[in-house]
Amino acid sequence: GSPPAKIAVYKVCDEDDCRSRILL
């Protein structure tokens, strides 16, 4: 959508679950 944009990626899920505290 915006090739010149800079991105940051935050991992919130593992193979088993997406925990609320990690998401928040």
PDBML (XML) file of the C-alpha atoms, coordinates in Angstrom:
<?xml version="1.0" encoding="UTF-8" ?>
<PDBx:datablock datablockName="MODEL"
   xmlns:PDBx="http://pdbml.pdb.org/schema/pdbx-v50.xsd"
   xmlns:xsi="http://www.w3.org/2001/XMLSchema-instance"
   xsi:schemaLocation="http://pdbml.pdb.org/schema/pdbx-v50.xsd pdbx-v50.xsd">
   <PDBx:atom_siteCategory>
      <PDBx:atom_site id="1">
         <PDBx:B_iso_or_equiv>0.00</PDBx:B_iso_or_equiv>
         <PDBx:Cartn_x>0.000</PDBx:Cartn_x>
         <PDBx:Cartn_y>0.000</PDBx:Cartn_y>
         <PDBx:Cartn_z>0.000</PDBx:Cartn_z>
         <PDBx:auth_asym_id>A</PDBx:auth_asym_id>
         <PDBx:auth_atom_id>CA</PDBx:auth_atom_id>
         <PDBx:auth_comp_id>GLY</PDBx:auth_comp_id>
         <PDBx:auth_seq_id>1</PDBx:auth_seq_id>
         <PDBx:group_PDB>ATOM</PDBx:group_PDB>
         <PDBx:label_alt_id xsi:nil="true" />
         <PDBx:label_asym_id>A</PDBx:label_asym_id>
         <PDBx:label_atom_id>CA</PDBx:label_atom_id>
         <PDBx:label_comp_id>GLY</PDBx:label_comp_id>
         <PDBx:label_entity_id>1</PDBx:label_entity_id>
         <PDBx:label_seq_id>1</PDBx:label_seq_id>
         <PDBx:occupancy>1.00</PDBx:occupancy>
         <PDBx:pdbx_PDB_model_num>1</PDBx:pdbx_PDB_model_num>
         <PDBx:type_symbol>C</PDBx:type_symbol>
      </PDBx:atom_site>
      <PDBx:atom_site id="2">
         <PDBx:B_iso_or_equiv>0.00</PDBx:B_iso_or_equiv>
         <PDBx:Cartn_x>2.847</PDBx:Cartn_x>
         <PDBx:Cartn_y>2.445</PDBx:Cartn_y>
         <PDBx:Cartn_z>0.727</PDBx:Cartn_z>
         <PDBx:auth_asym_id>A</PDBx:auth_asym_id>
         <PDBx:auth_atom_id>CA</PDBx:auth_atom_id>
         <PDBx:auth_comp_id>SER</PDBx:auth_comp_id>
         <PDBx:auth_seq_id>2</PDBx:auth_seq_id>
         <PDBx:group_PDB>ATOM</PDBx:group_PDB>
         <PDBx:label_alt_id xsi:nil="true" />
         <PDBx:label_asym_id>A</PDBx:label_asym_id>
         <PDBx:label_atom_id>CA</PDBx:label_atom_id>
         <PDBx:label_comp_id>SER</PDBx:label_comp_id>
         <PDBx:label_entity_id>1</PDBx:label_entity_id>
         <PDBx:label_seq_id>2</PDBx:label_seq_id>
         <PDBx:occupancy>1.00</PDBx:occupancy>
         <PDBx:pdbx_PDB_model_num>1</PDBx:pdbx_PDB_model_num>
         <PDBx:type_symbol>C</PDBx:type_symbol>
      </PDBx:atom_site>
      <PDBx:atom_site id="3">
         <PDBx:B_iso_or_equiv>0.00</PDBx:B_iso_or_equiv>
         <PDBx:Cartn_x>6.243</PDBx:Cartn_x>
         <PDBx:Cartn_y>1.172</PDBx:Cartn_y>
         <PDBx:Cartn_z>-0.478</PDBx:Cartn_z>
         <PDBx:auth_asym_id>A</PDBx:auth_asym_id>
         <PDBx:auth_atom_id>CA</PDBx:auth_atom_id>
         <PDBx:auth_comp_id>PRO</PDBx:auth_comp_id>
         <PDBx:auth_seq_id>3</PDBx:auth_seq_id>
         <PDBx:group_PDB>ATOM</PDBx:group_PDB>
         <PDBx:label_alt_id xsi:nil="true" />
         <PDBx:label_asym_id>A</PDBx:label_asym_id>
         <PDBx:label_atom_id>CA</PDBx:label_atom_id>
         <PDBx:label_comp_id>PRO</PDBx:label_comp_id>
         <PDBx:label_entity_id>1</PDBx:label_entity_id>
         <PDBx:label_seq_id>3</PDBx:label_seq_id>
         <PDBx:occupancy>1.00</PDBx:occupancy>
         <PDBx:pdbx_PDB_model_num>1</PDBx:pdbx_PDB_model_num>
         <PDBx:type_symbol>C</PDBx:type_symbol>
      </PDBx:atom_site>
      <PDBx:atom_site id="4">
         <PDBx:B_iso_or_equiv>0.00</PDBx:B_iso_or_equiv>
         <PDBx:Cartn_x>8.297</PDBx:Cartn_x>
         <PDBx:Cartn_y>4.043</PDBx:Cartn_y>
         <PDBx:Cartn_z>1.048</PDBx:Cartn_z>
         <PDBx:auth_asym_id>A</PDBx:auth_asym_id>
         <PDBx:auth_atom_id>CA</PDBx:auth_atom_id>
         <PDBx:auth_comp_id>PRO</PDBx:auth_comp_id>
         <PDBx:auth_seq_id>4</PDBx:auth_seq_id>
         <PDBx:group_PDB>ATOM</PDBx:group_PDB>
         <PDBx:label_alt_id xsi:nil="true" />
         <PDBx:label_asym_id>A</PDBx:label_asym_id>
         <PDBx:label_atom_id>CA</PDBx:label_atom_id>
         <PDBx:label_comp_id>PRO</PDBx:label_comp_id>
         <PDBx:label_entity_id>1</PDBx:label_entity_id>
         <PDBx:label_seq_id>4</PDBx:label_seq_id>
         <PDBx:occupancy>1.00</PDBx:occupancy>
         <PDBx:pdbx_PDB_model_num>1</PDBx:pdbx_PDB_model_num>
         <PDBx:type_symbol>C</PDBx:type_symbol>
      </PDBx:atom_site>
      <PDBx:atom_site id="5">
         <PDBx:B_iso_or_equiv>0.00</PDBx:B_iso_or_equiv>
         <PDBx:Cartn_x>6.789</PDBx:Cartn_x>
         <PDBx:Cartn_y>3.466</PDBx:Cartn_y>
         <PDBx:Cartn_z>4.512</PDBx:Cartn_z>
         <PDBx:auth_asym_id>A</PDBx:auth_asym_id>
         <PDBx:auth_atom_id>CA</PDBx:auth_atom_id>
         <PDBx:auth_comp_id>ALA</PDBx:auth_comp_id>
         <PDBx:auth_seq_id>5</PDBx:auth_seq_id>
         <PDBx:group_PDB>ATOM</PDBx:group_PDB>
         <PDBx:label_alt_id xsi:nil="true" />
         <PDBx:label_asym_id>A</PDBx:label_asym_id>
         <PDBx:label_atom_id>CA</PDBx:label_atom_id>
         <PDBx:label_comp_id>ALA</PDBx:label_comp_id>
         <PDBx:label_entity_id>1</PDBx:label_entity_id>
         <PDBx:label_seq_id>5</PDBx:label_seq_id>
         <PDBx:occupancy>1.00</PDBx:occupancy>
         <PDBx:pdbx_PDB_model_num>1</PDBx:pdbx_PDB_model_num>
         <PDBx:type_symbol>C</PDBx:type_symbol>
      </PDBx:atom_site>
      <PDBx:atom_site id="6">
         <PDBx:B_iso_or_equiv>0.00</PDBx:B_iso_or_equiv>
         <PDBx:Cartn_x>8.943</PDBx:Cartn_x>
         <PDBx:Cartn_y>2.229</PDBx:Cartn_y>
         <PDBx:Cartn_z>7.349</PDBx:Cartn_z>
         <PDBx:auth_asym_id>A</PDBx:auth_asym_id>
         <PDBx:auth_atom_id>CA</PDBx:auth_atom_id>
         <PDBx:auth_comp_id>LYS</PDBx:auth_comp_id>
         <PDBx:auth_seq_id>6</PDBx:auth_seq_id>
         <PDBx:group_PDB>ATOM</PDBx:group_PDB>
         <PDBx:label_alt_id xsi:nil="true" />
         <PDBx:label_asym_id>A</PDBx:label_asym_id>
         <PDBx:label_atom_id>CA</PDBx:label_atom_id>
         <PDBx:label_comp_id>LYS</PDBx:label_comp_id>
         <PDBx:label_entity_id>1</PDBx:label_entity_id>
         <PDBx:label_seq_id>6</PDBx:label_seq_id>
         <PDBx:occupancy>1.00</PDBx:occupancy>
         <PDBx:pdbx_PDB_model_num>1</PDBx:pdbx_PDB_model_num>
         <PDBx:type_symbol>C</PDBx:type_symbol>
      </PDBx:atom_site>
      <PDBx:atom_site id="7">
         <PDBx:B_iso_or_equiv>0.00</PDBx:B_iso_or_equiv>
         <PDBx:Cartn_x>7.517</PDBx:Cartn_x>
         <PDBx:Cartn_y>-0.686</PDBx:Cartn_y>
         <PDBx:Cartn_z>9.304</PDBx:Cartn_z>
         <PDBx:auth_asym_id>A</PDBx:auth_asym_id>
         <PDBx:auth_atom_id>CA</PDBx:auth_atom_id>
         <PDBx:auth_comp_id>ILE</PDBx:auth_comp_id>
         <PDBx:auth_seq_id>7</PDBx:auth_seq_id>
         <PDBx:group_PDB>ATOM</PDBx:group_PDB>
         <PDBx:label_alt_id xsi:nil="true" />
         <PDBx:label_asym_id>A</PDBx:label_asym_id>
         <PDBx:label_atom_id>CA</PDBx:label_atom_id>
         <PDBx:label_comp_id>ILE</PDBx:label_comp_id>
         <PDBx:label_entity_id>1</PDBx:label_entity_id>
         <PDBx:label_seq_id>7</PDBx:label_seq_id>
         <PDBx:occupancy>1.00</PDBx:occupancy>
         <PDBx:pdbx_PDB_model_num>1</PDBx:pdbx_PDB_model_num>
         <PDBx:type_symbol>C</PDBx:type_symbol>
      </PDBx:atom_site>
      <PDBx:atom_site id="8">
         <PDBx:B_iso_or_equiv>0.00</PDBx:B_iso_or_equiv>
         <PDBx:Cartn_x>7.905</PDBx:Cartn_x>
         <PDBx:Cartn_y>-2.132</PDBx:Cartn_y>
         <PDBx:Cartn_z>12.767</PDBx:Cartn_z>
         <PDBx:auth_asym_id>A</PDBx:auth_asym_id>
         <PDBx:auth_atom_id>CA</PDBx:auth_atom_id>
         <PDBx:auth_comp_id>ALA</PDBx:auth_comp_id>
         <PDBx:auth_seq_id>8</PDBx:auth_seq_id>
         <PDBx:group_PDB>ATOM</PDBx:group_PDB>
         <PDBx:label_alt_id xsi:nil="true" />
         <PDBx:label_asym_id>A</PDBx:label_asym_id>
         <PDBx:label_atom_id>CA</PDBx:label_atom_id>
         <PDBx:label_comp_id>ALA</PDBx:label_comp_id>
         <PDBx:label_entity_id>1</PDBx:label_entity_id>
         <PDBx:label_seq_id>8</PDBx:label_seq_id>
         <PDBx:occupancy>1.00</PDBx:occupancy>
         <PDBx:pdbx_PDB_model_num>1</PDBx:pdbx_PDB_model_num>
         <PDBx:type_symbol>C</PDBx:type_symbol>
      </PDBx:atom_site>
      <PDBx:atom_site id="9">
         <PDBx:B_iso_or_equiv>0.00</PDBx:B_iso_or_equiv>
         <PDBx:Cartn_x>6.683</PDBx:Cartn_x>
         <PDBx:Cartn_y>-5.658</PDBx:Cartn_y>
         <PDBx:Cartn_z>13.451</PDBx:Cartn_z>
         <PDBx:auth_asym_id>A</PDBx:auth_asym_id>
         <PDBx:auth_atom_id>CA</PDBx:auth_atom_id>
         <PDBx:auth_comp_id>VAL</PDBx:auth_comp_id>
         <PDBx:auth_seq_id>9</PDBx:auth_seq_id>
         <PDBx:group_PDB>ATOM</PDBx:group_PDB>
         <PDBx:label_alt_id xsi:nil="true" />
         <PDBx:label_asym_id>A</PDBx:label_asym_id>
         <PDBx:label_atom_id>CA</PDBx:label_atom_id>
         <PDBx:label_comp_id>VAL</PDBx:label_comp_id>
         <PDBx:label_entity_id>1</PDBx:label_entity_id>
         <PDBx:label_seq_id>9</PDBx:label_seq_id>
         <PDBx:occupancy>1.00</PDBx:occupancy>
         <PDBx:pdbx_PDB_model_num>1</PDBx:pdbx_PDB_model_num>
         <PDBx:type_symbol>C</PDBx:type_symbol>
      </PDBx:atom_site>
      <PDBx:atom_site id="10">
         <PDBx:B_iso_or_equiv>0.00</PDBx:B_iso_or_equiv>
         <PDBx:Cartn_x>5.527</PDBx:Cartn_x>
         <PDBx:Cartn_y>-6.820</PDBx:Cartn_y>
         <PDBx:Cartn_z>16.864</PDBx:Cartn_z>
         <PDBx:auth_asym_id>A</PDBx:auth_asym_id>
         <PDBx:auth_atom_id>CA</PDBx:auth_atom_id>
         <PDBx:auth_comp_id>TYR</PDBx:auth_comp_id>
         <PDBx:auth_seq_id>10</PDBx:auth_seq_id>
         <PDBx:group_PDB>ATOM</PDBx:group_PDB>
         <PDBx:label_alt_id xsi:nil="true" />
         <PDBx:label_asym_id>A</PDBx:label_asym_id>
         <PDBx:label_atom_id>CA</PDBx:label_atom_id>
         <PDBx:label_comp_id>TYR</PDBx:label_comp_id>
         <PDBx:label_entity_id>1</PDBx:label_entity_id>
         <PDBx:label_seq_id>10</PDBx:label_seq_id>
         <PDBx:occupancy>1.00</PDBx:occupancy>
         <PDBx:pdbx_PDB_model_num>1</PDBx:pdbx_PDB_model_num>
         <PDBx:type_symbol>C</PDBx:type_symbol>
      </PDBx:atom_site>
      <PDBx:atom_site id="11">
         <PDBx:B_iso_or_equiv>0.00</PDBx:B_iso_or_equiv>
         <PDBx:Cartn_x>5.114</PDBx:Cartn_x>
         <PDBx:Cartn_y>-10.550</PDBx:Cartn_y>
         <PDBx:Cartn_z>17.421</PDBx:Cartn_z>
         <PDBx:auth_asym_id>A</PDBx:auth_asym_id>
         <PDBx:auth_atom_id>CA</PDBx:auth_atom_id>
         <PDBx:auth_comp_id>LYS</PDBx:auth_comp_id>
         <PDBx:auth_seq_id>11</PDBx:auth_seq_id>
         <PDBx:group_PDB>ATOM</PDBx:group_PDB>
         <PDBx:label_alt_id xsi:nil="true" />
         <PDBx:label_asym_id>A</PDBx:label_asym_id>
         <PDBx:label_atom_id>CA</PDBx:label_atom_id>
         <PDBx:label_comp_id>LYS</PDBx:label_comp_id>
         <PDBx:label_entity_id>1</PDBx:label_entity_id>
         <PDBx:label_seq_id>11</PDBx:label_seq_id>
         <PDBx:occupancy>1.00</PDBx:occupancy>
         <PDBx:pdbx_PDB_model_num>1</PDBx:pdbx_PDB_model_num>
         <PDBx:type_symbol>C</PDBx:type_symbol>
      </PDBx:atom_site>
      <PDBx:atom_site id="12">
         <PDBx:B_iso_or_equiv>0.00</PDBx:B_iso_or_equiv>
         <PDBx:Cartn_x>2.086</PDBx:Cartn_x>
         <PDBx:Cartn_y>-11.260</PDBx:Cartn_y>
         <PDBx:Cartn_z>19.596</PDBx:Cartn_z>
         <PDBx:auth_asym_id>A</PDBx:auth_asym_id>
         <PDBx:auth_atom_id>CA</PDBx:auth_atom_id>
         <PDBx:auth_comp_id>VAL</PDBx:auth_comp_id>
         <PDBx:auth_seq_id>12</PDBx:auth_seq_id>
         <PDBx:group_PDB>ATOM</PDBx:group_PDB>
         <PDBx:label_alt_id xsi:nil="true" />
         <PDBx:label_asym_id>A</PDBx:label_asym_id>
         <PDBx:label_atom_id>CA</PDBx:label_atom_id>
         <PDBx:label_comp_id>VAL</PDBx:label_comp_id>
         <PDBx:label_entity_id>1</PDBx:label_entity_id>
         <PDBx:label_seq_id>12</PDBx:label_seq_id>
         <PDBx:occupancy>1.00</PDBx:occupancy>
         <PDBx:pdbx_PDB_model_num>1</PDBx:pdbx_PDB_model_num>
         <PDBx:type_symbol>C</PDBx:type_symbol>
      </PDBx:atom_site>
      <PDBx:atom_site id="13">
         <PDBx:B_iso_or_equiv>0.00</PDBx:B_iso_or_equiv>
         <PDBx:Cartn_x>1.302</PDBx:Cartn_x>
         <PDBx:Cartn_y>-14.903</PDBx:Cartn_y>
         <PDBx:Cartn_z>18.818</PDBx:Cartn_z>
         <PDBx:auth_asym_id>A</PDBx:auth_asym_id>
         <PDBx:auth_atom_id>CA</PDBx:auth_atom_id>
         <PDBx:auth_comp_id>CYS</PDBx:auth_comp_id>
         <PDBx:auth_seq_id>13</PDBx:auth_seq_id>
         <PDBx:group_PDB>ATOM</PDBx:group_PDB>
         <PDBx:label_alt_id xsi:nil="true" />
         <PDBx:label_asym_id>A</PDBx:label_asym_id>
         <PDBx:label_atom_id>CA</PDBx:label_atom_id>
         <PDBx:label_comp_id>CYS</PDBx:label_comp_id>
         <PDBx:label_entity_id>1</PDBx:label_entity_id>
         <PDBx:label_seq_id>13</PDBx:label_seq_id>
         <PDBx:occupancy>1.00</PDBx:occupancy>
         <PDBx:pdbx_PDB_model_num>1</PDBx:pdbx_PDB_model_num>
         <PDBx:type_symbol>C</PDBx:type_symbol>
      </PDBx:atom_site>
      <PDBx:atom_site id="14">
         <PDBx:B_iso_or_equiv>0.00</PDBx:B_iso_or_equiv>
         <PDBx:Cartn_x>3.188</PDBx:Cartn_x>
         <PDBx:Cartn_y>-18.158</PDBx:Cartn_y>
         <PDBx:Cartn_z>18.998</PDBx:Cartn_z>
         <PDBx:auth_asym_id>A</PDBx:auth_asym_id>
         <PDBx:auth_atom_id>CA</PDBx:auth_atom_id>
         <PDBx:auth_comp_id>ASP</PDBx:auth_comp_id>
         <PDBx:auth_seq_id>14</PDBx:auth_seq_id>
         <PDBx:group_PDB>ATOM</PDBx:group_PDB>
         <PDBx:label_alt_id xsi:nil="true" />
         <PDBx:label_asym_id>A</PDBx:label_asym_id>
         <PDBx:label_atom_id>CA</PDBx:label_atom_id>
         <PDBx:label_comp_id>ASP</PDBx:label_comp_id>
         <PDBx:label_entity_id>1</PDBx:label_entity_id>
         <PDBx:label_seq_id>14</PDBx:label_seq_id>
         <PDBx:occupancy>1.00</PDBx:occupancy>
         <PDBx:pdbx_PDB_model_num>1</PDBx:pdbx_PDB_model_num>
         <PDBx:type_symbol>C</PDBx:type_symbol>
      </PDBx:atom_site>
      <PDBx:atom_site id="15">
         <PDBx:B_iso_or_equiv>0.00</PDBx:B_iso_or_equiv>
         <PDBx:Cartn_x>2.213</PDBx:Cartn_x>
         <PDBx:Cartn_y>-21.544</PDBx:Cartn_y>
         <PDBx:Cartn_z>17.579</PDBx:Cartn_z>
         <PDBx:auth_asym_id>A</PDBx:auth_asym_id>
         <PDBx:auth_atom_id>CA</PDBx:auth_atom_id>
         <PDBx:auth_comp_id>GLU</PDBx:auth_comp_id>
         <PDBx:auth_seq_id>15</PDBx:auth_seq_id>
         <PDBx:group_PDB>ATOM</PDBx:group_PDB>
         <PDBx:label_alt_id xsi:nil="true" />
         <PDBx:label_asym_id>A</PDBx:label_asym_id>
         <PDBx:label_atom_id>CA</PDBx:label_atom_id>
         <PDBx:label_comp_id>GLU</PDBx:label_comp_id>
         <PDBx:label_entity_id>1</PDBx:label_entity_id>
         <PDBx:label_seq_id>15</PDBx:label_seq_id>
         <PDBx:occupancy>1.00</PDBx:occupancy>
         <PDBx:pdbx_PDB_model_num>1</PDBx:pdbx_PDB_model_num>
         <PDBx:type_symbol>C</PDBx:type_symbol>
      </PDBx:atom_site>
      <PDBx:atom_site id="16">
         <PDBx:B_iso_or_equiv>0.00</PDBx:B_iso_or_equiv>
         <PDBx:Cartn_x>-0.258</PDBx:Cartn_x>
         <PDBx:Cartn_y>-22.167</PDBx:Cartn_y>
         <PDBx:Cartn_z>20.416</PDBx:Cartn_z>
         <PDBx:auth_asym_id>A</PDBx:auth_asym_id>
         <PDBx:auth_atom_id>CA</PDBx:auth_atom_id>
         <PDBx:auth_comp_id>ASP</PDBx:auth_comp_id>
         <PDBx:auth_seq_id>16</PDBx:auth_seq_id>
         <PDBx:group_PDB>ATOM</PDBx:group_PDB>
         <PDBx:label_alt_id xsi:nil="true" />
         <PDBx:label_asym_id>A</PDBx:label_asym_id>
         <PDBx:label_atom_id>CA</PDBx:label_atom_id>
         <PDBx:label_comp_id>ASP</PDBx:label_comp_id>
         <PDBx:label_entity_id>1</PDBx:label_entity_id>
         <PDBx:label_seq_id>16</PDBx:label_seq_id>
         <PDBx:occupancy>1.00</PDBx:occupancy>
         <PDBx:pdbx_PDB_model_num>1</PDBx:pdbx_PDB_model_num>
         <PDBx:type_symbol>C</PDBx:type_symbol>
      </PDBx:atom_site>
      <PDBx:atom_site id="17">
         <PDBx:B_iso_or_equiv>0.00</PDBx:B_iso_or_equiv>
         <PDBx:Cartn_x>-1.883</PDBx:Cartn_x>
         <PDBx:Cartn_y>-18.910</PDBx:Cartn_y>
         <PDBx:Cartn_z>21.394</PDBx:Cartn_z>
         <PDBx:auth_asym_id>A</PDBx:auth_asym_id>
         <PDBx:auth_atom_id>CA</PDBx:auth_atom_id>
         <PDBx:auth_comp_id>ASP</PDBx:auth_comp_id>
         <PDBx:auth_seq_id>17</PDBx:auth_seq_id>
         <PDBx:group_PDB>ATOM</PDBx:group_PDB>
         <PDBx:label_alt_id xsi:nil="true" />
         <PDBx:label_asym_id>A</PDBx:label_asym_id>
         <PDBx:label_atom_id>CA</PDBx:label_atom_id>
         <PDBx:label_comp_id>ASP</PDBx:label_comp_id>
         <PDBx:label_entity_id>1</PDBx:label_entity_id>
         <PDBx:label_seq_id>17</PDBx:label_seq_id>
         <PDBx:occupancy>1.00</PDBx:occupancy>
         <PDBx:pdbx_PDB_model_num>1</PDBx:pdbx_PDB_model_num>
         <PDBx:type_symbol>C</PDBx:type_symbol>
      </PDBx:atom_site>
      <PDBx:atom_site id="18">
         <PDBx:B_iso_or_equiv>0.00</PDBx:B_iso_or_equiv>
         <PDBx:Cartn_x>-2.157</PDBx:Cartn_x>
         <PDBx:Cartn_y>-15.145</PDBx:Cartn_y>
         <PDBx:Cartn_z>21.204</PDBx:Cartn_z>
         <PDBx:auth_asym_id>A</PDBx:auth_asym_id>
         <PDBx:auth_atom_id>CA</PDBx:auth_atom_id>
         <PDBx:auth_comp_id>CYS</PDBx:auth_comp_id>
         <PDBx:auth_seq_id>18</PDBx:auth_seq_id>
         <PDBx:group_PDB>ATOM</PDBx:group_PDB>
         <PDBx:label_alt_id xsi:nil="true" />
         <PDBx:label_asym_id>A</PDBx:label_asym_id>
         <PDBx:label_atom_id>CA</PDBx:label_atom_id>
         <PDBx:label_comp_id>CYS</PDBx:label_comp_id>
         <PDBx:label_entity_id>1</PDBx:label_entity_id>
         <PDBx:label_seq_id>18</PDBx:label_seq_id>
         <PDBx:occupancy>1.00</PDBx:occupancy>
         <PDBx:pdbx_PDB_model_num>1</PDBx:pdbx_PDB_model_num>
         <PDBx:type_symbol>C</PDBx:type_symbol>
      </PDBx:atom_site>
      <PDBx:atom_site id="19">
         <PDBx:B_iso_or_equiv>0.00</PDBx:B_iso_or_equiv>
         <PDBx:Cartn_x>-2.047</PDBx:Cartn_x>
         <PDBx:Cartn_y>-13.974</PDBx:Cartn_y>
         <PDBx:Cartn_z>24.806</PDBx:Cartn_z>
         <PDBx:auth_asym_id>A</PDBx:auth_asym_id>
         <PDBx:auth_atom_id>CA</PDBx:auth_atom_id>
         <PDBx:auth_comp_id>ARG</PDBx:auth_comp_id>
         <PDBx:auth_seq_id>19</PDBx:auth_seq_id>
         <PDBx:group_PDB>ATOM</PDBx:group_PDB>
         <PDBx:label_alt_id xsi:nil="true" />
         <PDBx:label_asym_id>A</PDBx:label_asym_id>
         <PDBx:label_atom_id>CA</PDBx:label_atom_id>
         <PDBx:label_comp_id>ARG</PDBx:label_comp_id>
         <PDBx:label_entity_id>1</PDBx:label_entity_id>
         <PDBx:label_seq_id>19</PDBx:label_seq_id>
         <PDBx:occupancy>1.00</PDBx:occupancy>
         <PDBx:pdbx_PDB_model_num>1</PDBx:pdbx_PDB_model_num>
         <PDBx:type_symbol>C</PDBx:type_symbol>
      </PDBx:atom_site>
      <PDBx:atom_site id="20">
         <PDBx:B_iso_or_equiv>0.00</PDBx:B_iso_or_equiv>
         <PDBx:Cartn_x>-3.926</PDBx:Cartn_x>
         <PDBx:Cartn_y>-10.824</PDBx:Cartn_y>
         <PDBx:Cartn_z>25.754</PDBx:Cartn_z>
         <PDBx:auth_asym_id>A</PDBx:auth_asym_id>
         <PDBx:auth_atom_id>CA</PDBx:auth_atom_id>
         <PDBx:auth_comp_id>SER</PDBx:auth_comp_id>
         <PDBx:auth_seq_id>20</PDBx:auth_seq_id>
         <PDBx:group_PDB>ATOM</PDBx:group_PDB>
         <PDBx:label_alt_id xsi:nil="true" />
         <PDBx:label_asym_id>A</PDBx:label_asym_id>
         <PDBx:label_atom_id>CA</PDBx:label_atom_id>
         <PDBx:label_comp_id>SER</PDBx:label_comp_id>
         <PDBx:label_entity_id>1</PDBx:label_entity_id>
         <PDBx:label_seq_id>20</PDBx:label_seq_id>
         <PDBx:occupancy>1.00</PDBx:occupancy>
         <PDBx:pdbx_PDB_model_num>1</PDBx:pdbx_PDB_model_num>
         <PDBx:type_symbol>C</PDBx:type_symbol>
      </PDBx:atom_site>
      <PDBx:atom_site id="21">
         <PDBx:B_iso_or_equiv>0.00</PDBx:B_iso_or_equiv>
         <PDBx:Cartn_x>-1.113</PDBx:Cartn_x>
         <PDBx:Cartn_y>-9.372</PDBx:Cartn_y>
         <PDBx:Cartn_z>27.856</PDBx:Cartn_z>
         <PDBx:auth_asym_id>A</PDBx:auth_asym_id>
         <PDBx:auth_atom_id>CA</PDBx:auth_atom_id>
         <PDBx:auth_comp_id>ARG</PDBx:auth_comp_id>
         <PDBx:auth_seq_id>21</PDBx:auth_seq_id>
         <PDBx:group_PDB>ATOM</PDBx:group_PDB>
         <PDBx:label_alt_id xsi:nil="true" />
         <PDBx:label_asym_id>A</PDBx:label_asym_id>
         <PDBx:label_atom_id>CA</PDBx:label_atom_id>
         <PDBx:label_comp_id>ARG</PDBx:label_comp_id>
         <PDBx:label_entity_id>1</PDBx:label_entity_id>
         <PDBx:label_seq_id>21</PDBx:label_seq_id>
         <PDBx:occupancy>1.00</PDBx:occupancy>
         <PDBx:pdbx_PDB_model_num>1</PDBx:pdbx_PDB_model_num>
         <PDBx:type_symbol>C</PDBx:type_symbol>
      </PDBx:atom_site>
      <PDBx:atom_site id="22">
         <PDBx:B_iso_or_equiv>0.00</PDBx:B_iso_or_equiv>
         <PDBx:Cartn_x>1.388</PDBx:Cartn_x>
         <PDBx:Cartn_y>-9.742</PDBx:Cartn_y>
         <PDBx:Cartn_z>24.992</PDBx:Cartn_z>
         <PDBx:auth_asym_id>A</PDBx:auth_asym_id>
         <PDBx:auth_atom_id>CA</PDBx:auth_atom_id>
         <PDBx:auth_comp_id>ILE</PDBx:auth_comp_id>
         <PDBx:auth_seq_id>22</PDBx:auth_seq_id>
         <PDBx:group_PDB>ATOM</PDBx:group_PDB>
         <PDBx:label_alt_id xsi:nil="true" />
         <PDBx:label_asym_id>A</PDBx:label_asym_id>
         <PDBx:label_atom_id>CA</PDBx:label_atom_id>
         <PDBx:label_comp_id>ILE</PDBx:label_comp_id>
         <PDBx:label_entity_id>1</PDBx:label_entity_id>
         <PDBx:label_seq_id>22</PDBx:label_seq_id>
         <PDBx:occupancy>1.00</PDBx:occupancy>
         <PDBx:pdbx_PDB_model_num>1</PDBx:pdbx_PDB_model_num>
         <PDBx:type_symbol>C</PDBx:type_symbol>
      </PDBx:atom_site>
      <PDBx:atom_site id="23">
         <PDBx:B_iso_or_equiv>0.00</PDBx:B_iso_or_equiv>
         <PDBx:Cartn_x>-1.060</PDBx:Cartn_x>
         <PDBx:Cartn_y>-8.158</PDBx:Cartn_y>
         <PDBx:Cartn_z>22.532</PDBx:Cartn_z>
         <PDBx:auth_asym_id>A</PDBx:auth_asym_id>
         <PDBx:auth_atom_id>CA</PDBx:auth_atom_id>
         <PDBx:auth_comp_id>LEU</PDBx:auth_comp_id>
         <PDBx:auth_seq_id>23</PDBx:auth_seq_id>
         <PDBx:group_PDB>ATOM</PDBx:group_PDB>
         <PDBx:label_alt_id xsi:nil="true" />
         <PDBx:label_asym_id>A</PDBx:label_asym_id>
         <PDBx:label_atom_id>CA</PDBx:label_atom_id>
         <PDBx:label_comp_id>LEU</PDBx:label_comp_id>
         <PDBx:label_entity_id>1</PDBx:label_entity_id>
         <PDBx:label_seq_id>23</PDBx:label_seq_id>
         <PDBx:occupancy>1.00</PDBx:occupancy>
         <PDBx:pdbx_PDB_model_num>1</PDBx:pdbx_PDB_model_num>
         <PDBx:type_symbol>C</PDBx:type_symbol>
      </PDBx:atom_site>
      <PDBx:atom_site id="24">
         <PDBx:B_iso_or_equiv>0.00</PDBx:B_iso_or_equiv>
         <PDBx:Cartn_x>-1.680</PDBx:Cartn_x>
         <PDBx:Cartn_y>-5.199</PDBx:Cartn_y>
         <PDBx:Cartn_z>24.857</PDBx:Cartn_z>
         <PDBx:auth_asym_id>A</PDBx:auth_asym_id>
         <PDBx:auth_atom_id>CA</PDBx:auth_atom_id>
         <PDBx:auth_comp_id>LEU</PDBx:auth_comp_id>
         <PDBx:auth_seq_id>24</PDBx:auth_seq_id>
         <PDBx:group_PDB>ATOM</PDBx:group_PDB>
         <PDBx:label_alt_id xsi:nil="true" />
         <PDBx:label_asym_id>A</PDBx:label_asym_id>
         <PDBx:label_atom_id>CA</PDBx:label_atom_id>
         <PDBx:label_comp_id>LEU</PDBx:label_comp_id>
         <PDBx:label_entity_id>1</PDBx:label_entity_id>
         <PDBx:label_seq_id>24</PDBx:label_seq_id>
         <PDBx:occupancy>1.00</PDBx:occupancy>
         <PDBx:pdbx_PDB_model_num>1</PDBx:pdbx_PDB_model_num>
         <PDBx:type_symbol>C</PDBx:type_symbol>
      </PDBx:atom_site>
   </PDBx:atom_siteCategory>
</PDBx:datablock>
